Amino acid sequence: ILMSDPLVFSMNVHPSQEPFVDLV
């Protein structure tokens, strides 16, 4: 399936609570 497929858009995405760090 393509990323533009409605099936992809219908999936529930749960935001990650994992923090970001600056690689620098």
PDB file of all heavy atoms in Angstrom:
ATOM      1  N   ILE A   1       0.857  -1.191   0.000  1.00  0.00           N
ATOM      2  CA  ILE A   1       0.000   0.000   0.000  1.00  0.00           C
ATOM      3  C   ILE A   1       0.890   1.236   0.000  1.00  0.00           C
ATOM      4  O   ILE A   1       2.024   1.203   0.473  1.00  0.00           O
ATOM      5  CB  ILE A   1      -0.962   0.037   1.207  1.00  0.00           C
ATOM      6  CG1 ILE A   1      -0.202   0.038   2.518  1.00  0.00           C
ATOM      7  CG2 ILE A   1      -1.945  -1.104   1.167  1.00  0.00           C
ATOM      8  CD1 ILE A   1      -1.083   0.317   3.715  1.00  0.00           C
ATOM      9  N   LEU A   2       0.366   2.307  -0.528  1.00  0.00           N
ATOM     10  CA  LEU A   2       1.093   3.574  -0.555  1.00  0.00           C
ATOM     11  C   LEU A   2       0.833   4.344   0.733  1.00  0.00           C
ATOM     12  O   LEU A   2      -0.192   4.156   1.390  1.00  0.00           O
ATOM     13  CB  LEU A   2       0.636   4.411  -1.754  1.00  0.00           C
ATOM     14  CG  LEU A   2       0.874   3.793  -3.124  1.00  0.00           C
ATOM     15  CD1 LEU A   2       0.259   4.679  -4.207  1.00  0.00           C
ATOM     16  CD2 LEU A   2       2.360   3.599  -3.373  1.00  0.00           C
ATOM     17  N   MET A   3       1.738   5.229   1.077  1.00  0.00           N
ATOM     18  CA  MET A   3       1.549   6.060   2.271  1.00  0.00           C
ATOM     19  C   MET A   3       0.321   6.944   2.137  1.00  0.00           C
ATOM     20  O   MET A   3      -0.268   7.364   3.126  1.00  0.00           O
ATOM     21  CB  MET A   3       2.788   6.923   2.526  1.00  0.00           C
ATOM     22  CG  MET A   3       4.002   6.119   2.961  1.00  0.00           C
ATOM     23  SD  MET A   3       3.729   5.170   4.471  1.00  0.00           S
ATOM     24  CE  MET A   3       3.529   6.456   5.670  1.00  0.00           C
ATOM     25  N   SER A   4      -0.098   7.232   0.920  1.00  0.00           N
ATOM     26  CA  SER A   4      -1.277   8.069   0.698  1.00  0.00           C
ATOM     27  C   SER A   4      -2.584   7.284   0.775  1.00  0.00           C
ATOM     28  O   SER A   4      -3.664   7.862   0.679  1.00  0.00           O
ATOM     29  CB  SER A   4      -1.182   8.757  -0.663  1.00  0.00           C
ATOM     30  OG  SER A   4      -1.083   7.772  -1.691  1.00  0.00           O
ATOM     31  N   ASP A   5      -2.510   5.977   0.958  1.00  0.00           N
ATOM     32  CA  ASP A   5      -3.700   5.126   1.047  1.00  0.00           C
ATOM     33  C   ASP A   5      -4.536   5.527   2.265  1.00  0.00           C
ATOM     34  O   ASP A   5      -3.997   5.768   3.344  1.00  0.00           O
ATOM     35  CB  ASP A   5      -3.270   3.665   1.174  1.00  0.00           C
ATOM     36  CG  ASP A   5      -4.430   2.697   1.017  1.00  0.00           C
ATOM     37  OD1 ASP A   5      -5.367   2.764   1.838  1.00  0.00           O
ATOM     38  OD2 ASP A   5      -4.382   1.876   0.093  1.00  0.00           O
ATOM     39  N   PRO A   6      -5.863   5.616   2.125  1.00  0.00           N
ATOM     40  CA  PRO A   6      -6.729   5.946   3.266  1.00  0.00           C
ATOM     41  C   PRO A   6      -6.552   5.010   4.451  1.00  0.00           C
ATOM     42  O   PRO A   6      -6.746   5.403   5.596  1.00  0.00           O
ATOM     43  CB  PRO A   6      -8.146   5.838   2.690  1.00  0.00           C
ATOM     44  CG  PRO A   6      -7.979   6.041   1.228  1.00  0.00           C
ATOM     45  CD  PRO A   6      -6.627   5.491   0.884  1.00  0.00           C
ATOM     46  N   LEU A   7      -6.144   3.766   4.190  1.00  0.00           N
ATOM     47  CA  LEU A   7      -5.897   2.827   5.273  1.00  0.00           C
ATOM     48  C   LEU A   7      -4.795   3.343   6.212  1.00  0.00           C
ATOM     49  O   LEU A   7      -4.900   3.226   7.432  1.00  0.00           O
ATOM     50  CB  LEU A   7      -5.506   1.459   4.705  1.00  0.00           C
ATOM     51  CG  LEU A   7      -5.198   0.361   5.713  1.00  0.00           C
ATOM     52  CD1 LEU A   7      -6.441   0.043   6.550  1.00  0.00           C
ATOM     53  CD2 LEU A   7      -4.720  -0.887   5.007  1.00  0.00           C
ATOM     54  N   VAL A   8      -3.780   3.938   5.638  1.00  0.00           N
ATOM     55  CA  VAL A   8      -2.689   4.483   6.442  1.00  0.00           C
ATOM     56  C   VAL A   8      -3.205   5.641   7.297  1.00  0.00           C
ATOM     57  O   VAL A   8      -2.918   5.739   8.486  1.00  0.00           O
ATOM     58  CB  VAL A   8      -1.511   4.939   5.553  1.00  0.00           C
ATOM     59  CG1 VAL A   8      -0.442   5.647   6.368  1.00  0.00           C
ATOM     60  CG2 VAL A   8      -0.922   3.751   4.802  1.00  0.00           C
ATOM     61  N   PHE A   9      -3.992   6.521   6.698  1.00  0.00           N
ATOM     62  CA  PHE A   9      -4.516   7.677   7.428  1.00  0.00           C
ATOM     63  C   PHE A   9      -5.515   7.280   8.509  1.00  0.00           C
ATOM     64  O   PHE A   9      -5.726   8.016   9.463  1.00  0.00           O
ATOM     65  CB  PHE A   9      -5.167   8.673   6.467  1.00  0.00           C
ATOM     66  CG  PHE A   9      -4.167   9.437   5.659  1.00  0.00           C
ATOM     67  CD1 PHE A   9      -3.952   9.123   4.331  1.00  0.00           C
ATOM     68  CD2 PHE A   9      -3.424  10.447   6.231  1.00  0.00           C
ATOM     69  CE1 PHE A   9      -3.024   9.823   3.584  1.00  0.00           C
ATOM     70  CE2 PHE A   9      -2.490  11.152   5.498  1.00  0.00           C
ATOM     71  CZ  PHE A   9      -2.289  10.838   4.167  1.00  0.00           C
ATOM     72  N   SER A  10      -6.129   6.111   8.376  1.00  0.00           N
ATOM     73  CA  SER A  10      -7.125   5.687   9.356  1.00  0.00           C
ATOM     74  C   SER A  10      -6.508   5.048  10.594  1.00  0.00           C
ATOM     75  O   SER A  10      -7.204   4.800  11.576  1.00  0.00           O
ATOM     76  CB  SER A  10      -8.116   4.714   8.711  1.00  0.00           C
ATOM     77  OG  SER A  10      -7.477   3.478   8.421  1.00  0.00           O
ATOM     78  N   MET A  11      -5.213   4.786  10.558  1.00  0.00           N
ATOM     79  CA  MET A  11      -4.541   4.149  11.694  1.00  0.00           C
ATOM     80  C   MET A  11      -4.376   5.139  12.841  1.00  0.00           C
ATOM     81  O   MET A  11      -4.042   6.296  12.623  1.00  0.00           O
ATOM     82  CB  MET A  11      -3.163   3.626  11.295  1.00  0.00           C
ATOM     83  CG  MET A  11      -3.202   2.493  10.331  1.00  0.00           C
ATOM     84  SD  MET A  11      -1.514   2.002   9.947  1.00  0.00           S
ATOM     85  CE  MET A  11      -1.830   0.723   8.768  1.00  0.00           C
ATOM     86  N   ASN A  12      -4.619   4.658  14.044  1.00  0.00           N
ATOM     87  CA  ASN A  12      -4.395   5.484  15.218  1.00  0.00           C
ATOM     88  C   ASN A  12      -2.900   5.555  15.504  1.00  0.00           C
ATOM     89  O   ASN A  12      -2.225   4.542  15.560  1.00  0.00           O
ATOM     90  CB  ASN A  12      -5.115   4.907  16.445  1.00  0.00           C
ATOM     91  CG  ASN A  12      -6.607   5.076  16.350  1.00  0.00           C
ATOM     92  OD1 ASN A  12      -7.085   6.047  15.772  1.00  0.00           O
ATOM     93  ND2 ASN A  12      -7.351   4.149  16.898  1.00  0.00           N
ATOM     94  N   VAL A  13      -2.416   6.755  15.676  1.00  0.00           N
ATOM     95  CA  VAL A  13      -1.011   6.956  15.999  1.00  0.00           C
ATOM     96  C   VAL A  13      -0.947   7.484  17.423  1.00  0.00           C
ATOM     97  O   VAL A  13      -1.600   8.453  17.769  1.00  0.00           O
ATOM     98  CB  VAL A  13      -0.354   7.967  15.033  1.00  0.00           C
ATOM     99  CG1 VAL A  13       1.088   8.223  15.419  1.00  0.00           C
ATOM    100  CG2 VAL A  13      -0.463   7.464  13.605  1.00  0.00           C
ATOM    101  N   HIS A  14      -0.156   6.802  18.233  1.00  0.00           N
ATOM    102  CA  HIS A  14      -0.010   7.216  19.623  1.00  0.00           C
ATOM    103  C   HIS A  14       1.313   7.959  19.762  1.00  0.00           C
ATOM    104  O   HIS A  14       2.368   7.387  19.492  1.00  0.00           O
ATOM    105  CB  HIS A  14      -0.044   5.998  20.549  1.00  0.00           C
ATOM    106  CG  HIS A  14      -1.309   5.214  20.418  1.00  0.00           C
ATOM    107  ND1 HIS A  14      -2.498   5.643  20.955  1.00  0.00           N
ATOM    108  CD2 HIS A  14      -1.583   4.060  19.772  1.00  0.00           C
ATOM    109  CE1 HIS A  14      -3.442   4.764  20.662  1.00  0.00           C
ATOM    110  NE2 HIS A  14      -2.917   3.793  19.936  1.00  0.00           N
ATOM    111  N   PRO A  15       1.249   9.219  20.154  1.00  0.00           N
ATOM    112  CA  PRO A  15       2.487   9.985  20.285  1.00  0.00           C
ATOM    113  C   PRO A  15       3.432   9.356  21.304  1.00  0.00           C
ATOM    114  O   PRO A  15       3.005   8.848  22.333  1.00  0.00           O
ATOM    115  CB  PRO A  15       2.029  11.361  20.771  1.00  0.00           C
ATOM    116  CG  PRO A  15       0.556  11.391  20.597  1.00  0.00           C
ATOM    117  CD  PRO A  15       0.076   9.979  20.517  1.00  0.00           C
ATOM    118  N   SER A  16       4.691   9.404  21.010  1.00  0.00           N
ATOM    119  CA  SER A  16       5.704   8.870  21.921  1.00  0.00           C
ATOM    120  C   SER A  16       5.972   9.886  23.025  1.00  0.00           C
ATOM    121  O   SER A  16       6.002  11.089  22.779  1.00  0.00           O
ATOM    122  CB  SER A  16       6.998   8.596  21.159  1.00  0.00           C
ATOM    123  OG  SER A  16       8.018   8.230  22.051  1.00  0.00           O
ATOM    124  N   GLN A  17       6.159   9.388  24.210  1.00  0.00           N
ATOM    125  CA  GLN A  17       6.511  10.253  25.337  1.00  0.00           C
ATOM    126  C   GLN A  17       8.022  10.267  25.559  1.00  0.00           C
ATOM    127  O   GLN A  17       8.508  10.887  26.495  1.00  0.00           O
ATOM    128  CB  GLN A  17       5.787   9.788  26.607  1.00  0.00           C
ATOM    129  CG  GLN A  17       4.279   9.829  26.499  1.00  0.00           C
ATOM    130  CD  GLN A  17       3.744  11.216  26.147  1.00  0.00           C
ATOM    131  OE1 GLN A  17       4.156  12.204  26.720  1.00  0.00           O
ATOM    132  NE2 GLN A  17       2.840  11.272  25.182  1.00  0.00           N
ATOM    133  N   GLU A  18       8.742   9.585  24.680  1.00  0.00           N
ATOM    134  CA  GLU A  18      10.193   9.523  24.815  1.00  0.00           C
ATOM    135  C   GLU A  18      10.787  10.906  24.509  1.00  0.00           C
ATOM    136  O   GLU A  18      10.439  11.528  23.518  1.00  0.00           O
ATOM    137  CB  GLU A  18      10.758   8.489  23.844  1.00  0.00           C
ATOM    138  CG  GLU A  18      12.244   8.304  23.978  1.00  0.00           C
ATOM    139  CD  GLU A  18      12.777   7.269  23.015  1.00  0.00           C
ATOM    140  OE1 GLU A  18      12.031   6.719  22.192  1.00  0.00           O
ATOM    141  OE2 GLU A  18      13.985   7.017  23.097  1.00  0.00           O
ATOM    142  N   PRO A  19      11.687  11.369  25.348  1.00  0.00           N
ATOM    143  CA  PRO A  19      12.248  12.707  25.130  1.00  0.00           C
ATOM    144  C   PRO A  19      13.205  12.757  23.938  1.00  0.00           C
ATOM    145  O   PRO A  19      13.778  11.753  23.528  1.00  0.00           O
ATOM    146  CB  PRO A  19      13.006  12.985  26.429  1.00  0.00           C
ATOM    147  CG  PRO A  19      13.354  11.641  26.960  1.00  0.00           C
ATOM    148  CD  PRO A  19      12.224  10.730  26.538  1.00  0.00           C
ATOM    149  N   PHE A  20      13.354  13.961  23.401  1.00  0.00           N
ATOM    150  CA  PHE A  20      14.345  14.232  22.373  1.00  0.00           C
ATOM    151  C   PHE A  20      15.619  14.725  23.043  1.00  0.00           C
ATOM    152  O   PHE A  20      15.569  15.358  24.098  1.00  0.00           O
ATOM    153  CB  PHE A  20      13.847  15.324  21.412  1.00  0.00           C
ATOM    154  CG  PHE A  20      12.840  14.854  20.416  1.00  0.00           C
ATOM    155  CD1 PHE A  20      11.491  14.974  20.671  1.00  0.00           C
ATOM    156  CD2 PHE A  20      13.244  14.315  19.207  1.00  0.00           C
ATOM    157  CE1 PHE A  20      10.554  14.555  19.744  1.00  0.00           C
ATOM    158  CE2 PHE A  20      12.307  13.890  18.276  1.00  0.00           C
ATOM    159  CZ  PHE A  20      10.971  14.015  18.542  1.00  0.00           C
ATOM    160  N   VAL A  21      16.760  14.434  22.420  1.00  0.00           N
ATOM    161  CA  VAL A  21      18.042  14.970  22.876  1.00  0.00           C
ATOM    162  C   VAL A  21      18.761  15.558  21.670  1.00  0.00           C
ATOM    163  O   VAL A  21      18.537  15.143  20.534  1.00  0.00           O
ATOM    164  CB  VAL A  21      18.927  13.900  23.556  1.00  0.00           C
ATOM    165  CG1 VAL A  21      18.290  13.396  24.834  1.00  0.00           C
ATOM    166  CG2 VAL A  21      19.227  12.745  22.616  1.00  0.00           C
ATOM    167  N   ASP A  22      19.607  16.525  21.927  1.00  0.00           N
ATOM    168  CA  ASP A  22      20.384  17.162  20.873  1.00  0.00           C
ATOM    169  C   ASP A  22      21.676  16.372  20.678  1.00  0.00           C
ATOM    170  O   ASP A  22      22.505  16.296  21.573  1.00  0.00           O
ATOM    171  CB  ASP A  22      20.686  18.602  21.261  1.00  0.00           C
ATOM    172  CG  ASP A  22      21.304  19.391  20.136  1.00  0.00           C
ATOM    173  OD1 ASP A  22      21.692  18.798  19.112  1.00  0.00           O
ATOM    174  OD2 ASP A  22      21.389  20.622  20.277  1.00  0.00           O
ATOM    175  N   LEU A  23      21.834  15.775  19.496  1.00  0.00           N
ATOM    176  CA  LEU A  23      23.036  14.973  19.225  1.00  0.00           C
ATOM    177  C   LEU A  23      24.315  15.800  19.298  1.00  0.00           C
ATOM    178  O   LEU A  23      25.376  15.263  19.585  1.00  0.00           O
ATOM    179  CB  LEU A  23      22.935  14.317  17.847  1.00  0.00           C
ATOM    180  CG  LEU A  23      22.191  13.004  17.760  1.00  0.00           C
ATOM    181  CD1 LEU A  23      22.151  12.521  16.320  1.00  0.00           C
ATOM    182  CD2 LEU A  23      22.806  11.950  18.646  1.00  0.00           C
ATOM    183  N   VAL A  24      24.217  17.093  19.037  1.00  0.00           N
ATOM    184  CA  VAL A  24      25.401  17.946  19.076  1.00  0.00           C
ATOM    185  C   VAL A  24      26.056  17.880  20.457  1.00  0.00           C
ATOM    186  O   VAL A  24      27.274  17.867  20.583  1.00  0.00           O
ATOM    187  CB  VAL A  24      25.036  19.403  18.721  1.00  0.00           C
ATOM    188  CG1 VAL A  24      26.186  20.348  19.000  1.00  0.00           C
ATOM    189  CG2 VAL A  24      24.595  19.493  17.267  1.00  0.00           C
TER     190      VAL A  24
END
